[in-house]
Amino acid sequence: MFEVIDTTGSMSKTDPRIRAIEGEMIRSHALCLKISSKKPTDADFKGLLEELFQQKIDDSVVIVTPFYCDCGCRMTFGKNITINKGATILSPGKVVIEDNVLIAPEVKIATVNHDPYDRHTLLHFGKVTIQENAWIGMGAVICPGVTIGRNAIVAAGAVVTKDVPDNVVVGGNPARIIKKLDEKKMVGANRG
């Protein structure tokens, strides 16, 4: 197991914990290169994913290559998740993906940002949570600290800078609510 450190809040690049993050980035990068050279049907594909994420991955989780994340040990997965090709997940601040989530091709998720005034030294970390039955459209960007609500849809190309409520469609840059969804019409969603 790689050392899992707390990366909540802000951290200076001189903080000794940055070395652990850099080590995890190197480990994750090497594994992502191996994973991206494989087909999901290859015998060692799932084992490489579990090594990257340092957890058991349910058989219902599908990750299409190429795939990149920089801190695999900072991600957790539910069941019945699809992450389509070209996803890039910058995860030192932690990413939680709950059950029944769809992530379209070329989605970008970030959990770290540079300080606007001290951009070369100070980093800010924010956990990203994608709740049950959410759908993230092609090319969407999810920024640090954001929660995507249950059954929410993030439109293709949207840039999400704030939390998205349950049962809505958001789109644009920055993303705004386009419409509300009727939760009673959801098929396959756990409605509690």
Protein backbone atom coordinates (compact mmCIF):
# COMPACT_ATOMS: atom_id res chain seq x y z
CA MET A 1 0.00 0.00 0.00
CA PHE A 2 1.20 3.46 -0.83
CA GLU A 3 1.01 6.06 1.94
CA VAL A 4 -2.37 7.80 1.84
CA ILE A 5 -2.01 11.33 3.18
CA ASP A 6 -4.55 13.96 4.12
CA THR A 7 -4.67 16.60 1.40
CA THR A 8 -7.63 18.65 2.55
CA GLY A 9 -7.36 22.42 2.38
CA SER A 10 -4.16 24.12 1.23
CA MET A 11 -0.55 23.03 1.14
CA SER A 12 2.71 24.74 0.25
CA LYS A 13 4.99 23.00 -2.22
CA THR A 14 7.59 23.07 0.59
CA ASP A 15 5.36 20.89 2.82
CA PRO A 16 7.02 17.48 3.28
CA ARG A 17 3.71 15.77 2.35
CA ILE A 18 4.22 17.01 -1.22
CA ARG A 19 6.98 14.38 -1.63
CA ALA A 20 4.42 11.64 -0.88
CA ILE A 21 2.02 13.12 -3.44
CA GLU A 22 4.80 13.25 -6.03
CA GLY A 23 5.68 9.61 -5.30
CA GLU A 24 2.05 8.59 -5.76
CA MET A 25 1.90 10.55 -9.03
CA ILE A 26 4.94 8.64 -10.35
CA ARG A 27 3.45 5.30 -9.26
CA SER A 28 0.04 6.13 -10.78
CA HIS A 29 1.53 7.44 -14.03
CA ALA A 30 3.48 4.20 -14.58
CA LEU A 31 0.39 2.09 -13.92
CA CYS A 32 -1.82 4.28 -16.16
CA LEU A 33 0.65 3.75 -19.02
CA LYS A 34 0.44 -0.03 -18.50
CA ILE A 35 -3.37 0.05 -18.22
CA SER A 36 -3.75 2.24 -21.30
CA SER A 37 -1.72 -0.25 -23.36
CA LYS A 38 -4.21 -3.01 -22.49
CA LYS A 39 -7.69 -4.04 -23.52
CA PRO A 40 -10.30 -4.42 -20.76
CA THR A 41 -10.51 -8.10 -21.75
CA ASP A 42 -6.79 -8.74 -21.04
CA ALA A 43 -6.24 -11.12 -18.13
CA ASP A 44 -4.19 -8.65 -16.07
CA PHE A 45 -6.33 -5.54 -16.76
CA LYS A 46 -8.47 -5.69 -13.61
CA GLY A 47 -5.46 -6.52 -11.44
CA LEU A 48 -3.65 -3.43 -12.74
CA LEU A 49 -6.72 -1.29 -11.95
CA GLU A 50 -6.84 -2.67 -8.42
CA GLU A 51 -3.12 -1.99 -8.01
CA LEU A 52 -3.62 1.58 -9.27
CA PHE A 53 -6.61 2.32 -7.03
CA GLN A 54 -5.41 0.13 -4.13
CA GLN A 55 -8.86 -1.36 -3.65
CA LYS A 56 -11.04 -4.15 -4.96
CA ILE A 57 -12.88 -3.00 -8.09
CA ASP A 58 -16.31 -4.52 -8.70
CA ASP A 59 -16.69 -6.46 -11.95
CA SER A 60 -19.43 -4.01 -13.00
CA VAL A 61 -16.91 -1.12 -13.22
CA VAL A 62 -15.78 -0.44 -16.80
CA ILE A 63 -12.83 1.82 -17.55
CA VAL A 64 -12.08 2.30 -21.25
CA THR A 65 -8.52 3.16 -22.19
CA PRO A 66 -6.71 5.40 -22.60
CA PHE A 67 -7.22 6.50 -19.00
CA TYR A 68 -5.15 8.75 -16.76
CA CYS A 69 -5.24 9.62 -13.07
CA ASP A 70 -2.38 11.04 -11.06
CA CYS A 71 -3.18 9.73 -7.55
CA GLY A 72 -4.95 6.39 -7.87
CA CYS A 73 -4.94 5.78 -4.11
CA ARG A 74 -7.11 8.90 -3.69
CA MET A 75 -10.04 7.51 -5.71
CA THR A 76 -12.94 5.31 -4.56
CA PHE A 77 -15.56 3.54 -6.66
CA GLY A 78 -19.03 2.15 -6.24
CA LYS A 79 -20.60 -0.39 -8.61
CA ASN A 80 -21.89 -0.24 -12.19
CA ILE A 81 -19.65 2.65 -13.25
CA THR A 82 -18.50 3.41 -16.78
CA ILE A 83 -15.56 5.74 -17.42
CA ASN A 84 -15.16 6.14 -21.17
CA LYS A 85 -11.95 6.71 -23.11
CA GLY A 86 -9.70 9.70 -22.62
CA ALA A 87 -10.70 10.52 -19.04
CA THR A 88 -8.12 12.54 -17.09
CA ILE A 89 -8.56 12.65 -13.33
CA LEU A 90 -6.21 14.77 -11.21
CA SER A 91 -7.06 13.22 -7.88
CA PRO A 92 -4.69 14.26 -5.04
CA GLY A 93 -7.63 15.96 -3.29
CA LYS A 94 -9.76 12.75 -3.50
CA VAL A 95 -12.43 11.61 -5.97
CA VAL A 96 -15.47 9.55 -4.95
CA ILE A 97 -17.57 7.96 -7.70
CA GLU A 98 -20.77 6.35 -6.42
CA ASP A 99 -22.91 3.59 -7.97
CA ASN A 100 -24.39 3.78 -11.49
CA VAL A 101 -22.30 6.73 -12.70
CA LEU A 102 -21.63 7.31 -16.40
CA ILE A 103 -18.57 9.33 -17.42
CA ALA A 104 -18.37 10.08 -21.15
CA PRO A 105 -15.18 10.34 -23.25
CA GLU A 106 -12.61 13.08 -22.63
CA VAL A 107 -14.00 14.17 -19.24
CA LYS A 108 -11.55 16.06 -17.01
CA ILE A 109 -11.82 16.04 -13.20
CA ALA A 110 -9.48 18.14 -11.04
CA THR A 111 -9.12 18.18 -7.27
CA VAL A 112 -6.20 20.59 -7.00
CA ASN A 113 -5.69 24.18 -8.04
CA HIS A 114 -2.96 26.79 -7.78
CA ASP A 115 -3.45 29.84 -5.58
CA PRO A 116 -4.22 32.90 -7.74
CA TYR A 117 -1.66 35.06 -5.89
CA ASP A 118 1.00 32.51 -4.94
CA ARG A 119 0.56 30.15 -7.88
CA HIS A 120 4.07 28.70 -7.86
CA THR A 121 4.08 27.71 -4.18
CA LEU A 122 0.56 27.29 -2.77
CA LEU A 123 -1.87 24.52 -3.79
CA HIS A 124 -5.55 24.19 -2.81
CA PHE A 125 -7.19 20.74 -2.64
CA GLY A 126 -10.90 19.95 -2.88
CA LYS A 127 -12.65 16.59 -2.93
CA VAL A 128 -14.88 15.82 -5.94
CA THR A 129 -17.90 13.57 -5.36
CA ILE A 130 -20.06 12.21 -8.17
CA GLN A 131 -23.19 10.85 -6.58
CA GLU A 132 -25.35 7.92 -7.56
CA ASN A 133 -26.73 7.71 -11.12
CA ALA A 134 -25.07 10.93 -12.32
CA TRP A 135 -24.07 11.25 -15.97
CA ILE A 136 -21.11 13.41 -16.98
CA GLY A 137 -21.23 14.35 -20.68
CA MET A 138 -18.39 14.30 -23.20
CA GLY A 139 -15.61 16.80 -22.62
CA ALA A 140 -17.05 18.16 -19.37
CA VAL A 141 -14.68 19.65 -16.80
CA ILE A 142 -15.33 19.15 -13.08
CA CYS A 143 -13.40 21.60 -10.85
CA PRO A 144 -12.03 21.02 -7.31
CA GLY A 145 -14.44 20.80 -4.39
CA VAL A 146 -17.54 20.07 -6.49
CA THR A 147 -20.29 17.53 -5.71
CA ILE A 148 -22.44 16.32 -8.59
CA GLY A 149 -25.86 15.38 -7.18
CA ARG A 150 -27.86 12.16 -7.56
CA ASN A 151 -29.34 11.63 -11.03
CA ALA A 152 -27.78 14.89 -12.28
CA ILE A 153 -26.62 15.29 -15.86
CA VAL A 154 -23.64 17.46 -16.76
CA ALA A 155 -23.98 18.44 -20.44
CA ALA A 156 -21.18 17.89 -22.92
CA GLY A 157 -18.50 20.56 -22.67
CA ALA A 158 -19.82 22.04 -19.40
CA VAL A 159 -17.38 23.53 -16.91
CA VAL A 160 -18.66 22.77 -13.39
CA THR A 161 -17.32 25.19 -10.78
CA LYS A 162 -20.05 24.79 -8.13
CA ASP A 163 -22.07 21.93 -6.62
CA VAL A 164 -24.80 20.49 -8.84
CA PRO A 165 -28.11 19.64 -7.10
CA ASP A 166 -29.87 16.28 -7.44
CA ASN A 167 -32.13 15.69 -10.46
CA VAL A 168 -31.02 18.55 -12.72
CA VAL A 169 -29.27 19.06 -16.05
CA VAL A 170 -26.46 21.63 -16.05
CA GLY A 171 -24.55 23.05 -19.02
CA GLY A 172 -22.38 25.92 -20.15
CA ASN A 173 -19.30 27.68 -18.86
CA PRO A 174 -19.68 28.13 -15.98
CA ALA A 175 -22.35 25.42 -15.74
CA ARG A 176 -25.86 26.53 -14.84
CA ILE A 177 -29.10 24.61 -14.35
CA ILE A 178 -30.81 24.07 -17.72
CA LYS A 179 -33.75 22.01 -16.48
CA LYS A 180 -35.02 19.85 -13.64
CA LEU A 181 -35.51 16.11 -14.05
CA ASP A 182 -38.45 14.08 -12.75
CA GLU A 183 -36.86 11.56 -10.35
CA LYS A 184 -39.95 9.34 -10.61
CA LYS A 185 -39.13 8.68 -14.28
CA MET A 186 -35.57 7.48 -13.53
CA VAL A 187 -34.99 3.89 -14.64
CA GLY A 188 -32.58 1.82 -12.59
CA ALA A 189 -31.86 4.54 -10.04
CA ASN A 190 -32.05 3.80 -6.36
CA ARG A 191 -34.69 6.20 -5.21
CA GLY A 192 -34.02 5.53 -1.53
